[in-house]
């Protein structure tokens, strides 16, 4: 299971970016944004599994990343990657961190989201 801190550490080391917590009501929701344009390239939330189509209401941490539209379908066929929750489904995916075992499995997706939002 991948932890939020694994993502935060990777993004901090690679891009010198720290998480931002912009919502008082959702104080566990963290955005990762560019320094220059302040666009998000990642959003980490704690939601219930049913929100991404799982058959339970257990709370999970998810990561939303932007991806190229032509890769959205193939990405969603991979374990732990779902149709985007609360984002444009044709340009974003949601990753269930409980189903990802290592940051290495999603480093390229984070990098691509960073590039697409630059």
PDB file of N, CA and C in Angstrom:
ATOM      1  N   UNK A   1       0.848  -1.178   0.000  1.00  0.00           N
ATOM      2  CA  UNK A   1       0.000   0.000   0.000  1.00  0.00           C
ATOM      3  C   UNK A   1       0.895   1.244   0.000  1.00  0.00           C
ATOM      4  N   UNK A   2       0.598   2.134  -0.898  1.00  0.00           N
ATOM      5  CA  UNK A   2       1.346   3.383  -1.026  1.00  0.00           C
ATOM      6  C   UNK A   2       0.774   4.420  -0.057  1.00  0.00           C
ATOM      7  N   UNK A   3       1.636   5.174   0.561  1.00  0.00           N
ATOM      8  CA  UNK A   3       1.225   6.209   1.512  1.00  0.00           C
ATOM      9  C   UNK A   3       1.346   7.598   0.876  1.00  0.00           C
ATOM     10  N   UNK A   4       0.552   8.512   1.367  1.00  0.00           N
ATOM     11  CA  UNK A   4       0.621   9.907   0.915  1.00  0.00           C
ATOM     12  C   UNK A   4       2.046  10.441   1.004  1.00  0.00           C
ATOM     13  N   UNK A   5       2.708  10.145   2.117  1.00  0.00           N
ATOM     14  CA  UNK A   5       4.060  10.665   2.327  1.00  0.00           C
ATOM     15  C   UNK A   5       5.042  10.179   1.272  1.00  0.00           C
ATOM     16  N   UNK A   6       4.813   8.984   0.727  1.00  0.00           N
ATOM     17  CA  UNK A   6       5.678   8.494  -0.356  1.00  0.00           C
ATOM     18  C   UNK A   6       5.563   9.420  -1.568  1.00  0.00           C
ATOM     19  N   UNK A   7       4.352   9.841  -1.872  1.00  0.00           N
ATOM     20  CA  UNK A   7       4.122  10.750  -3.000  1.00  0.00           C
ATOM     21  C   UNK A   7       4.695  12.125  -2.686  1.00  0.00           C
ATOM     22  N   UNK A   8       4.412  12.618  -1.497  1.00  0.00           N
ATOM     23  CA  UNK A   8       4.914  13.936  -1.110  1.00  0.00           C
ATOM     24  C   UNK A   8       6.444  13.974  -1.144  1.00  0.00           C
ATOM     25  N   UNK A   9       7.087  12.912  -0.665  1.00  0.00           N
ATOM     26  CA  UNK A   9       8.560  12.849  -0.674  1.00  0.00           C
ATOM     27  C   UNK A   9       9.097  12.855  -2.097  1.00  0.00           C
ATOM     28  N   UNK A  10       8.488  12.044  -2.972  1.00  0.00           N
ATOM     29  CA  UNK A  10       8.921  11.981  -4.368  1.00  0.00           C
ATOM     30  C   UNK A  10       8.785  13.343  -5.050  1.00  0.00           C
ATOM     31  N   UNK A  11       7.631  13.979  -4.888  1.00  0.00           N
ATOM     32  CA  UNK A  11       7.371  15.268  -5.531  1.00  0.00           C
ATOM     33  C   UNK A  11       8.286  16.355  -4.958  1.00  0.00           C
ATOM     34  N   UNK A  12       8.538  16.304  -3.682  1.00  0.00           N
ATOM     35  CA  UNK A  12       9.428  17.275  -3.058  1.00  0.00           C
ATOM     36  C   UNK A  12      10.855  17.137  -3.596  1.00  0.00           C
ATOM     37  N   UNK A  13      11.333  15.894  -3.680  1.00  0.00           N
ATOM     38  CA  UNK A  13      12.689  15.658  -4.182  1.00  0.00           C
ATOM     39  C   UNK A  13      12.824  16.003  -5.658  1.00  0.00           C
ATOM     40  N   UNK A  14      11.833  15.622  -6.450  1.00  0.00           N
ATOM     41  CA  UNK A  14      11.927  15.812  -7.906  1.00  0.00           C
ATOM     42  C   UNK A  14      11.599  17.230  -8.356  1.00  0.00           C
ATOM     43  N   UNK A  15      10.596  17.853  -7.738  1.00  0.00           N
ATOM     44  CA  UNK A  15      10.109  19.147  -8.223  1.00  0.00           C
ATOM     45  C   UNK A  15      10.217  20.276  -7.192  1.00  0.00           C
ATOM     46  N   UNK A  16      10.661  19.962  -5.987  1.00  0.00           N
ATOM     47  CA  UNK A  16      10.728  20.939  -4.899  1.00  0.00           C
ATOM     48  C   UNK A  16       9.353  21.562  -4.637  1.00  0.00           C
ATOM     49  N   UNK A  17       8.337  20.684  -4.587  1.00  0.00           N
ATOM     50  CA  UNK A  17       6.958  21.117  -4.354  1.00  0.00           C
ATOM     51  C   UNK A  17       6.430  20.406  -3.116  1.00  0.00           C
ATOM     52  N   UNK A  18       5.785  21.168  -2.264  1.00  0.00           N
ATOM     53  CA  UNK A  18       5.167  20.654  -1.041  1.00  0.00           C
ATOM     54  C   UNK A  18       3.650  20.663  -1.216  1.00  0.00           C
ATOM     55  N   UNK A  19       2.941  19.790  -0.500  1.00  0.00           N
ATOM     56  CA  UNK A  19       1.476  19.778  -0.608  1.00  0.00           C
ATOM     57  C   UNK A  19       0.855  21.062  -0.070  1.00  0.00           C
ATOM     58  N   UNK A  20      -0.260  21.406  -0.664  1.00  0.00           N
ATOM     59  CA  UNK A  20      -1.039  22.575  -0.283  1.00  0.00           C
ATOM     60  C   UNK A  20      -2.411  22.058   0.160  1.00  0.00           C
ATOM     61  N   UNK A  21      -2.937  22.609   1.230  1.00  0.00           N
ATOM     62  CA  UNK A  21      -4.236  22.188   1.753  1.00  0.00           C
ATOM     63  C   UNK A  21      -5.207  23.371   1.656  1.00  0.00           C
ATOM     64  N   UNK A  22      -5.853  23.545   0.492  1.00  0.00           N
ATOM     65  CA  UNK A  22      -6.624  24.773   0.245  1.00  0.00           C
ATOM     66  C   UNK A  22      -8.031  24.830   0.841  1.00  0.00           C
ATOM     67  N   UNK A  23      -8.562  23.709   1.332  1.00  0.00           N
ATOM     68  CA  UNK A  23      -9.953  23.716   1.787  1.00  0.00           C
ATOM     69  C   UNK A  23     -10.054  23.474   3.283  1.00  0.00           C
ATOM     70  N   UNK A  24     -10.699  24.394   3.941  1.00  0.00           N
ATOM     71  CA  UNK A  24     -10.909  24.253   5.379  1.00  0.00           C
ATOM     72  C   UNK A  24     -11.831  23.070   5.675  1.00  0.00           C
ATOM     73  N   UNK A  25     -12.871  22.923   4.868  1.00  0.00           N
ATOM     74  CA  UNK A  25     -13.848  21.841   5.086  1.00  0.00           C
ATOM     75  C   UNK A  25     -13.240  20.464   4.828  1.00  0.00           C
ATOM     76  N   UNK A  26     -12.335  20.378   3.879  1.00  0.00           N
ATOM     77  CA  UNK A  26     -11.678  19.113   3.522  1.00  0.00           C
ATOM     78  C   UNK A  26     -10.190  19.236   3.829  1.00  0.00           C
ATOM     79  N   UNK A  27      -9.874  19.307   5.106  1.00  0.00           N
ATOM     80  CA  UNK A  27      -8.505  19.616   5.493  1.00  0.00           C
ATOM     81  C   UNK A  27      -7.507  18.491   5.231  1.00  0.00           C
ATOM     82  N   UNK A  28      -7.966  17.313   4.822  1.00  0.00           N
ATOM     83  CA  UNK A  28      -7.058  16.228   4.443  1.00  0.00           C
ATOM     84  C   UNK A  28      -6.822  16.180   2.931  1.00  0.00           C
ATOM     85  N   UNK A  29      -7.521  16.999   2.176  1.00  0.00           N
ATOM     86  CA  UNK A  29      -7.345  17.036   0.727  1.00  0.00           C
ATOM     87  C   UNK A  29      -6.120  17.896   0.410  1.00  0.00           C
ATOM     88  N   UNK A  30      -5.168  17.313  -0.287  1.00  0.00           N
ATOM     89  CA  UNK A  30      -3.924  18.020  -0.607  1.00  0.00           C
ATOM     90  C   UNK A  30      -3.777  18.174  -2.116  1.00  0.00           C
ATOM     91  N   UNK A  31      -3.422  19.370  -2.536  1.00  0.00           N
ATOM     92  CA  UNK A  31      -3.103  19.588  -3.945  1.00  0.00           C
ATOM     93  C   UNK A  31      -1.591  19.702  -4.094  1.00  0.00           C
ATOM     94  N   UNK A  32      -1.114  19.302  -5.242  1.00  0.00           N
ATOM     95  CA  UNK A  32       0.284  19.500  -5.617  1.00  0.00           C
ATOM     96  C   UNK A  32       0.233  20.376  -6.851  1.00  0.00           C
ATOM     97  N   UNK A  33       0.845  21.554  -6.761  1.00  0.00           N
ATOM     98  CA  UNK A  33       0.718  22.518  -7.848  1.00  0.00           C
ATOM     99  C   UNK A  33       2.056  23.109  -8.243  1.00  0.00           C
ATOM    100  N   UNK A  34       2.060  23.577  -9.485  1.00  0.00           N
ATOM    101  CA  UNK A  34       3.253  24.229 -10.031  1.00  0.00           C
ATOM    102  C   UNK A  34       3.519  25.540  -9.287  1.00  0.00           C
ATOM    103  N   UNK A  35       4.786  25.869  -9.146  1.00  0.00           N
ATOM    104  CA  UNK A  35       5.153  27.144  -8.525  1.00  0.00           C
ATOM    105  C   UNK A  35       4.748  28.329  -9.402  1.00  0.00           C
ATOM    106  N   UNK A  36       4.961  28.210 -10.720  1.00  0.00           N
ATOM    107  CA  UNK A  36       4.768  29.370 -11.606  1.00  0.00           C
ATOM    108  C   UNK A  36       3.305  29.656 -11.939  1.00  0.00           C
ATOM    109  N   UNK A  37       2.561  28.643 -12.378  1.00  0.00           N
ATOM    110  CA  UNK A  37       1.180  28.906 -12.799  1.00  0.00           C
ATOM    111  C   UNK A  37       0.138  28.474 -11.764  1.00  0.00           C
ATOM    112  N   UNK A  38       0.574  27.830 -10.702  1.00  0.00           N
ATOM    113  CA  UNK A  38      -0.278  27.351  -9.607  1.00  0.00           C
ATOM    114  C   UNK A  38      -1.329  26.332 -10.025  1.00  0.00           C
ATOM    115  N   UNK A  39      -1.185  25.756 -11.226  1.00  0.00           N
ATOM    116  CA  UNK A  39      -2.102  24.702 -11.658  1.00  0.00           C
ATOM    117  C   UNK A  39      -1.776  23.414 -10.902  1.00  0.00           C
ATOM    118  N   UNK A  40      -2.833  22.683 -10.578  1.00  0.00           N
ATOM    119  CA  UNK A  40      -2.646  21.387  -9.931  1.00  0.00           C
ATOM    120  C   UNK A  40      -2.136  20.391 -10.948  1.00  0.00           C
ATOM    121  N   UNK A  41      -1.239  19.523 -10.519  1.00  0.00           N
ATOM    122  CA  UNK A  41      -0.913  18.354 -11.317  1.00  0.00           C
ATOM    123  C   UNK A  41      -1.295  17.093 -10.557  1.00  0.00           C
ATOM    124  N   UNK A  42      -1.678  17.254  -9.294  1.00  0.00           N
ATOM    125  CA  UNK A  42      -2.128  16.112  -8.501  1.00  0.00           C
ATOM    126  C   UNK A  42      -3.033  16.587  -7.376  1.00  0.00           C
ATOM    127  N   UNK A  43      -3.963  15.722  -7.023  1.00  0.00           N
ATOM    128  CA  UNK A  43      -4.865  15.966  -5.905  1.00  0.00           C
ATOM    129  C   UNK A  43      -4.973  14.666  -5.114  1.00  0.00           C
ATOM    130  N   UNK A  44      -4.718  14.730  -3.827  1.00  0.00           N
ATOM    131  CA  UNK A  44      -4.845  13.555  -2.965  1.00  0.00           C
ATOM    132  C   UNK A  44      -6.018  13.795  -2.024  1.00  0.00           C
ATOM    133  N   UNK A  45      -6.924  12.804  -1.977  1.00  0.00           N
ATOM    134  CA  UNK A  45      -8.129  12.918  -1.160  1.00  0.00           C
ATOM    135  C   UNK A  45      -8.357  11.624  -0.406  1.00  0.00           C
ATOM    136  N   UNK A  46      -9.066  11.716   0.696  1.00  0.00           N
ATOM    137  CA  UNK A  46      -9.583  10.528   1.357  1.00  0.00           C
ATOM    138  C   UNK A  46     -11.085  10.491   1.086  1.00  0.00           C
ATOM    139  N   UNK A  47     -11.507   9.417   0.434  1.00  0.00           N
ATOM    140  CA  UNK A  47     -12.909   9.249   0.043  1.00  0.00           C
ATOM    141  C   UNK A  47     -13.331   7.819   0.385  1.00  0.00           C
ATOM    142  N   UNK A  48     -14.593   7.529   0.222  1.00  0.00           N
ATOM    143  CA  UNK A  48     -15.042   6.146   0.414  1.00  0.00           C
ATOM    144  C   UNK A  48     -14.932   5.393  -0.911  1.00  0.00           C
ATOM    145  N   UNK A  49     -14.654   4.106  -0.812  1.00  0.00           N
ATOM    146  CA  UNK A  49     -14.417   3.279  -1.989  1.00  0.00           C
ATOM    147  C   UNK A  49     -15.544   3.289  -2.995  1.00  0.00           C
ATOM    148  N   UNK A  50     -16.785   3.414  -2.538  1.00  0.00           N
ATOM    149  CA  UNK A  50     -17.920   3.404  -3.460  1.00  0.00           C
ATOM    150  C   UNK A  50     -17.875   4.566  -4.453  1.00  0.00           C
ATOM    151  N   UNK A  51     -17.149   5.632  -4.118  1.00  0.00           N
ATOM    152  CA  UNK A  51     -17.062   6.796  -5.013  1.00  0.00           C
ATOM    153  C   UNK A  51     -16.296   6.482  -6.307  1.00  0.00           C
ATOM    154  N   UNK A  52     -15.465   5.424  -6.274  1.00  0.00           N
ATOM    155  CA  UNK A  52     -14.744   5.035  -7.497  1.00  0.00           C
ATOM    156  C   UNK A  52     -15.203   3.671  -8.009  1.00  0.00           C
ATOM    157  N   UNK A  53     -16.337   3.206  -7.487  1.00  0.00           N
ATOM    158  CA  UNK A  53     -16.917   1.974  -7.993  1.00  0.00           C
ATOM    159  C   UNK A  53     -16.563   0.719  -7.210  1.00  0.00           C
ATOM    160  N   UNK A  54     -15.894   0.857  -6.074  1.00  0.00           N
ATOM    161  CA  UNK A  54     -15.606  -0.317  -5.249  1.00  0.00           C
ATOM    162  C   UNK A  54     -16.859  -0.704  -4.480  1.00  0.00           C
ATOM    163  N   UNK A  55     -16.917  -1.943  -4.081  1.00  0.00           N
ATOM    164  CA  UNK A  55     -18.100  -2.460  -3.408  1.00  0.00           C
ATOM    165  C   UNK A  55     -17.962  -2.318  -1.888  1.00  0.00           C
ATOM    166  N   UNK A  56     -17.569  -1.136  -1.423  1.00  0.00           N
ATOM    167  CA  UNK A  56     -17.474  -0.897   0.013  1.00  0.00           C
ATOM    168  C   UNK A  56     -17.487   0.605   0.271  1.00  0.00           C
ATOM    169  N   UNK A  57     -17.672   0.933   1.518  1.00  0.00           N
ATOM    170  CA  UNK A  57     -17.655   2.342   1.914  1.00  0.00           C
ATOM    171  C   UNK A  57     -16.497   2.627   2.856  1.00  0.00           C
ATOM    172  N   UNK A  58     -15.441   1.802   2.762  1.00  0.00           N
ATOM    173  CA  UNK A  58     -14.235   2.038   3.563  1.00  0.00           C
ATOM    174  C   UNK A  58     -13.538   3.290   3.046  1.00  0.00           C
ATOM    175  N   UNK A  59     -12.950   4.050   3.956  1.00  0.00           N
ATOM    176  CA  UNK A  59     -12.221   5.243   3.544  1.00  0.00           C
ATOM    177  C   UNK A  59     -10.871   4.850   2.952  1.00  0.00           C
ATOM    178  N   UNK A  60     -10.561   5.445   1.812  1.00  0.00           N
ATOM    179  CA  UNK A  60      -9.296   5.186   1.122  1.00  0.00           C
ATOM    180  C   UNK A  60      -8.661   6.508   0.710  1.00  0.00           C
ATOM    181  N   UNK A  61      -7.359   6.479   0.516  1.00  0.00           N
ATOM    182  CA  UNK A  61      -6.663   7.625  -0.065  1.00  0.00           C
ATOM    183  C   UNK A  61      -6.551   7.393  -1.557  1.00  0.00           C
ATOM    184  N   UNK A  62      -6.867   8.424  -2.325  1.00  0.00           N
ATOM    185  CA  UNK A  62      -6.751   8.354  -3.777  1.00  0.00           C
ATOM    186  C   UNK A  62      -5.915   9.521  -4.280  1.00  0.00           C
ATOM    187  N   UNK A  63      -5.344   9.313  -5.442  1.00  0.00           N
ATOM    188  CA  UNK A  63      -4.527  10.324  -6.108  1.00  0.00           C
ATOM    189  C   UNK A  63      -5.114  10.563  -7.486  1.00  0.00           C
ATOM    190  N   UNK A  64      -5.461  11.810  -7.788  1.00  0.00           N
ATOM    191  CA  UNK A  64      -5.920  12.177  -9.123  1.00  0.00           C
ATOM    192  C   UNK A  64      -4.751  12.747  -9.905  1.00  0.00           C
ATOM    193  N   UNK A  65      -4.570  12.247 -11.128  1.00  0.00           N
ATOM    194  CA  UNK A  65      -3.509  12.715 -12.016  1.00  0.00           C
ATOM    195  C   UNK A  65      -4.073  12.966 -13.401  1.00  0.00           C
ATOM    196  N   UNK A  66      -3.526  13.956 -14.062  1.00  0.00           N
ATOM    197  CA  UNK A  66      -3.900  14.226 -15.448  1.00  0.00           C
ATOM    198  C   UNK A  66      -3.116  13.274 -16.347  1.00  0.00           C
ATOM    199  N   UNK A  67      -3.768  12.816 -17.409  1.00  0.00           N
ATOM    200  CA  UNK A  67      -3.119  11.914 -18.364  1.00  0.00           C
ATOM    201  C   UNK A  67      -3.569  12.283 -19.772  1.00  0.00           C
ATOM    202  N   UNK A  68      -2.810  11.850 -20.734  1.00  0.00           N
ATOM    203  CA  UNK A  68      -3.189  12.096 -22.127  1.00  0.00           C
ATOM    204  C   UNK A  68      -4.489  11.334 -22.424  1.00  0.00           C
ATOM    205  N   UNK A  69      -5.366  12.006 -23.128  1.00  0.00           N
ATOM    206  CA  UNK A  69      -6.694  11.432 -23.379  1.00  0.00           C
ATOM    207  C   UNK A  69      -6.613  10.045 -24.013  1.00  0.00           C
ATOM    208  N   UNK A  70      -5.657   9.842 -24.917  1.00  0.00           N
ATOM    209  CA  UNK A  70      -5.560   8.546 -25.589  1.00  0.00           C
ATOM    210  C   UNK A  70      -5.079   7.417 -24.657  1.00  0.00           C
ATOM    211  N   UNK A  71      -4.553   7.773 -23.490  1.00  0.00           N
ATOM    212  CA  UNK A  71      -4.080   6.750 -22.548  1.00  0.00           C
ATOM    213  C   UNK A  71      -5.068   6.470 -21.422  1.00  0.00           C
ATOM    214  N   UNK A  72      -6.122   7.277 -21.323  1.00  0.00           N
ATOM    215  CA  UNK A  72      -7.074   7.123 -20.219  1.00  0.00           C
ATOM    216  C   UNK A  72      -7.688   5.714 -20.209  1.00  0.00           C
ATOM    217  N   UNK A  73      -8.195   5.251 -21.337  1.00  0.00           N
ATOM    218  CA  UNK A  73      -8.824   3.919 -21.407  1.00  0.00           C
ATOM    219  C   UNK A  73      -7.873   2.808 -21.006  1.00  0.00           C
ATOM    220  N   UNK A  74      -6.692   2.721 -21.627  1.00  0.00           N
ATOM    221  CA  UNK A  74      -5.734   1.671 -21.233  1.00  0.00           C
ATOM    222  C   UNK A  74      -5.287   1.783 -19.771  1.00  0.00           C
ATOM    223  N   UNK A  75      -5.143   2.988 -19.278  1.00  0.00           N
ATOM    224  CA  UNK A  75      -4.738   3.150 -17.877  1.00  0.00           C
ATOM    225  C   UNK A  75      -5.782   2.565 -16.939  1.00  0.00           C
ATOM    226  N   UNK A  76      -7.054   2.807 -17.242  1.00  0.00           N
ATOM    227  CA  UNK A  76      -8.132   2.330 -16.372  1.00  0.00           C
ATOM    228  C   UNK A  76      -8.255   0.812 -16.345  1.00  0.00           C
ATOM    229  N   UNK A  77      -7.585   0.137 -17.250  1.00  0.00           N
ATOM    230  CA  UNK A  77      -7.581  -1.330 -17.241  1.00  0.00           C
ATOM    231  C   UNK A  77      -6.530  -1.882 -16.286  1.00  0.00           C
ATOM    232  N   UNK A  78      -5.670  -1.011 -15.775  1.00  0.00           N
ATOM    233  CA  UNK A  78      -4.620  -1.439 -14.852  1.00  0.00           C
ATOM    234  C   UNK A  78      -5.157  -1.476 -13.422  1.00  0.00           C
ATOM    235  N   UNK A  79      -4.589  -2.375 -12.645  1.00  0.00           N
ATOM    236  CA  UNK A  79      -5.003  -2.522 -11.249  1.00  0.00           C
ATOM    237  C   UNK A  79      -4.772  -1.214 -10.491  1.00  0.00           C
ATOM    238  N   UNK A  80      -5.804  -0.777  -9.782  1.00  0.00           N
ATOM    239  CA  UNK A  80      -5.701   0.391  -8.924  1.00  0.00           C
ATOM    240  C   UNK A  80      -5.987   1.720  -9.602  1.00  0.00           C
ATOM    241  N   UNK A  81      -6.254   1.707 -10.914  1.00  0.00           N
ATOM    242  CA  UNK A  81      -6.511   2.958 -11.635  1.00  0.00           C
ATOM    243  C   UNK A  81      -7.970   2.970 -12.110  1.00  0.00           C
ATOM    244  N   UNK A  82      -8.647   4.067 -11.808  1.00  0.00           N
ATOM    245  CA  UNK A  82     -10.085   4.166 -12.028  1.00  0.00           C
ATOM    246  C   UNK A  82     -10.450   5.436 -12.788  1.00  0.00           C
ATOM    247  N   UNK A  83     -11.707   5.464 -13.222  1.00  0.00           N
ATOM    248  CA  UNK A  83     -12.260   6.677 -13.809  1.00  0.00           C
ATOM    249  C   UNK A  83     -12.109   7.793 -12.780  1.00  0.00           C
ATOM    250  N   UNK A  84     -11.787   8.968 -13.238  1.00  0.00           N
ATOM    251  CA  UNK A  84     -11.507  10.083 -12.330  1.00  0.00           C
ATOM    252  C   UNK A  84     -12.704  10.406 -11.440  1.00  0.00           C
ATOM    253  N   UNK A  85     -12.414  10.576 -10.175  1.00  0.00           N
ATOM    254  CA  UNK A  85     -13.418  11.046  -9.232  1.00  0.00           C
ATOM    255  C   UNK A  85     -13.270  12.557  -9.103  1.00  0.00           C
ATOM    256  N   UNK A  86     -14.343  13.264  -9.318  1.00  0.00           N
ATOM    257  CA  UNK A  86     -14.432  14.703  -9.110  1.00  0.00           C
ATOM    258  C   UNK A  86     -13.570  15.526 -10.081  1.00  0.00           C
ATOM    259  N   UNK A  87     -13.165  14.932 -11.193  1.00  0.00           N
ATOM    260  CA  UNK A  87     -12.374  15.645 -12.195  1.00  0.00           C
ATOM    261  C   UNK A  87     -12.906  15.254 -13.572  1.00  0.00           C
ATOM    262  N   UNK A  88     -12.427  15.933 -14.598  1.00  0.00           N
ATOM    263  CA  UNK A  88     -12.789  15.637 -15.978  1.00  0.00           C
ATOM    264  C   UNK A  88     -12.331  14.216 -16.327  1.00  0.00           C
ATOM    265  N   UNK A  89     -13.273  13.336 -16.541  1.00  0.00           N
ATOM    266  CA  UNK A  89     -12.971  11.920 -16.753  1.00  0.00           C
ATOM    267  C   UNK A  89     -12.218  11.629 -18.048  1.00  0.00           C
ATOM    268  N   UNK A  90     -12.251  12.571 -18.987  1.00  0.00           N
ATOM    269  CA  UNK A  90     -11.540  12.341 -20.248  1.00  0.00           C
ATOM    270  C   UNK A  90     -10.078  12.776 -20.164  1.00  0.00           C
ATOM    271  N   UNK A  91      -9.683  13.430 -19.070  1.00  0.00           N
ATOM    272  CA  UNK A  91      -8.310  13.901 -18.943  1.00  0.00           C
ATOM    273  C   UNK A  91      -7.624  13.528 -17.626  1.00  0.00           C
ATOM    274  N   UNK A  92      -8.344  12.932 -16.709  1.00  0.00           N
ATOM    275  CA  UNK A  92      -7.794  12.604 -15.396  1.00  0.00           C
ATOM    276  C   UNK A  92      -8.140  11.161 -15.027  1.00  0.00           C
ATOM    277  N   UNK A  93      -7.310  10.576 -14.183  1.00  0.00           N
ATOM    278  CA  UNK A  93      -7.577   9.258 -13.610  1.00  0.00           C
ATOM    279  C   UNK A  93      -7.454   9.356 -12.095  1.00  0.00           C
ATOM    280  N   UNK A  94      -8.078   8.423 -11.415  1.00  0.00           N
ATOM    281  CA  UNK A  94      -7.975   8.310  -9.970  1.00  0.00           C
ATOM    282  C   UNK A  94      -7.260   7.014  -9.641  1.00  0.00           C
ATOM    283  N   UNK A  95      -6.262   7.111  -8.786  1.00  0.00           N
ATOM    284  CA  UNK A  95      -5.472   5.955  -8.378  1.00  0.00           C
ATOM    285  C   UNK A  95      -5.769   5.653  -6.916  1.00  0.00           C
ATOM    286  N   UNK A  96      -6.184   4.426  -6.647  1.00  0.00           N
ATOM    287  CA  UNK A  96      -6.440   3.974  -5.283  1.00  0.00           C
ATOM    288  C   UNK A  96      -5.096   3.593  -4.666  1.00  0.00           C
ATOM    289  N   UNK A  97      -4.617   4.383  -3.722  1.00  0.00           N
ATOM    290  CA  UNK A  97      -3.295   4.137  -3.146  1.00  0.00           C
ATOM    291  C   UNK A  97      -3.216   2.811  -2.394  1.00  0.00           C
ATOM    292  N   UNK A  98      -4.359   2.281  -1.954  1.00  0.00           N
ATOM    293  CA  UNK A  98      -4.366   0.974  -1.277  1.00  0.00           C
ATOM    294  C   UNK A  98      -3.985  -0.163  -2.218  1.00  0.00           C
ATOM    295  N   UNK A  99      -4.145   0.048  -3.515  1.00  0.00           N
ATOM    296  CA  UNK A  99      -3.870  -1.007  -4.488  1.00  0.00           C
ATOM    297  C   UNK A  99      -2.506  -0.861  -5.160  1.00  0.00           C
ATOM    298  N   UNK A 100      -1.770   0.179  -4.828  1.00  0.00           N
ATOM    299  CA  UNK A 100      -0.457   0.412  -5.438  1.00  0.00           C
ATOM    300  C   UNK A 100       0.607   0.073  -4.405  1.00  0.00           C
ATOM    301  N   UNK A 101       1.569  -0.742  -4.788  1.00  0.00           N
ATOM    302  CA  UNK A 101       2.550  -1.226  -3.824  1.00  0.00           C
ATOM    303  C   UNK A 101       3.818  -0.390  -3.745  1.00  0.00           C
ATOM    304  N   UNK A 102       4.083   0.423  -4.772  1.00  0.00           N
ATOM    305  CA  UNK A 102       5.331   1.177  -4.791  1.00  0.00           C
ATOM    306  C   UNK A 102       5.168   2.472  -5.581  1.00  0.00           C
ATOM    307  N   UNK A 103       5.856   3.496  -5.140  1.00  0.00           N
ATOM    308  CA  UNK A 103       5.861   4.771  -5.863  1.00  0.00           C
ATOM    309  C   UNK A 103       6.406   4.577  -7.278  1.00  0.00           C
ATOM    310  N   UNK A 104       7.271   3.600  -7.464  1.00  0.00           N
ATOM    311  CA  UNK A 104       7.857   3.345  -8.784  1.00  0.00           C
ATOM    312  C   UNK A 104       6.795   3.036  -9.832  1.00  0.00           C
ATOM    313  N   UNK A 105       5.678   2.463  -9.409  1.00  0.00           N
ATOM    314  CA  UNK A 105       4.612   2.115 -10.342  1.00  0.00           C
ATOM    315  C   UNK A 105       3.900   3.342 -10.910  1.00  0.00           C
ATOM    316  N   UNK A 106       3.997   4.479 -10.226  1.00  0.00           N
ATOM    317  CA  UNK A 106       3.265   5.662 -10.699  1.00  0.00           C
ATOM    318  C   UNK A 106       4.153   6.884 -10.917  1.00  0.00           C
ATOM    319  N   UNK A 107       5.457   6.759 -10.787  1.00  0.00           N
ATOM    320  CA  UNK A 107       6.353   7.907 -11.003  1.00  0.00           C
ATOM    321  C   UNK A 107       6.159   8.519 -12.386  1.00  0.00           C
ATOM    322  N   UNK A 108       6.062   7.681 -13.412  1.00  0.00           N
ATOM    323  CA  UNK A 108       5.887   8.194 -14.779  1.00  0.00           C
ATOM    324  C   UNK A 108       4.551   8.913 -14.940  1.00  0.00           C
ATOM    325  N   UNK A 109       3.509   8.422 -14.266  1.00  0.00           N
ATOM    326  CA  UNK A 109       2.199   9.077 -14.349  1.00  0.00           C
ATOM    327  C   UNK A 109       2.232  10.439 -13.663  1.00  0.00           C
ATOM    328  N   UNK A 110       2.937  10.531 -12.546  1.00  0.00           N
ATOM    329  CA  UNK A 110       3.083  11.819 -11.865  1.00  0.00           C
ATOM    330  C   UNK A 110       3.852  12.786 -12.760  1.00  0.00           C
ATOM    331  N   UNK A 111       4.937  12.309 -13.369  1.00  0.00           N
ATOM    332  CA  UNK A 111       5.748  13.156 -14.250  1.00  0.00           C
ATOM    333  C   UNK A 111       4.924  13.631 -15.445  1.00  0.00           C
ATOM    334  N   UNK A 112       4.129  12.755 -16.012  1.00  0.00           N
ATOM    335  CA  UNK A 112       3.302  13.150 -17.148  1.00  0.00           C
ATOM    336  C   UNK A 112       2.260  14.193 -16.737  1.00  0.00           C
ATOM    337  N   UNK A 113       1.636  14.008 -15.594  1.00  0.00           N
ATOM    338  CA  UNK A 113       0.661  14.976 -15.115  1.00  0.00           C
ATOM    339  C   UNK A 113       1.337  16.336 -14.886  1.00  0.00           C
ATOM    340  N   UNK A 114       2.534  16.303 -14.354  1.00  0.00           N
ATOM    341  CA  UNK A 114       3.298  17.534 -14.135  1.00  0.00           C
ATOM    342  C   UNK A 114       3.527  18.256 -15.478  1.00  0.00           C
ATOM    343  N   UNK A 115       3.950  17.497 -16.483  1.00  0.00           N
ATOM    344  CA  UNK A 115       4.224  18.083 -17.804  1.00  0.00           C
ATOM    345  C   UNK A 115       2.955  18.609 -18.472  1.00  0.00           C
ATOM    346  N   UNK A 116       1.864  17.858 -18.372  1.00  0.00           N
ATOM    347  CA  UNK A 116       0.624  18.249 -19.038  1.00  0.00           C
ATOM    348  C   UNK A 116       0.002  19.509 -18.431  1.00  0.00           C
ATOM    349  N   UNK A 117       0.334  19.810 -17.205  1.00  0.00           N
ATOM    350  CA  UNK A 117      -0.251  20.967 -16.542  1.00  0.00           C
ATOM    351  C   UNK A 117       0.703  22.154 -16.464  1.00  0.00           C
ATOM    352  N   UNK A 118       1.891  22.001 -17.039  1.00  0.00           N
ATOM    353  CA  UNK A 118       2.896  23.091 -16.988  1.00  0.00           C
ATOM    354  C   UNK A 118       2.479  24.272 -17.825  1.00  0.00           C
TER     355      UNK A 118
END
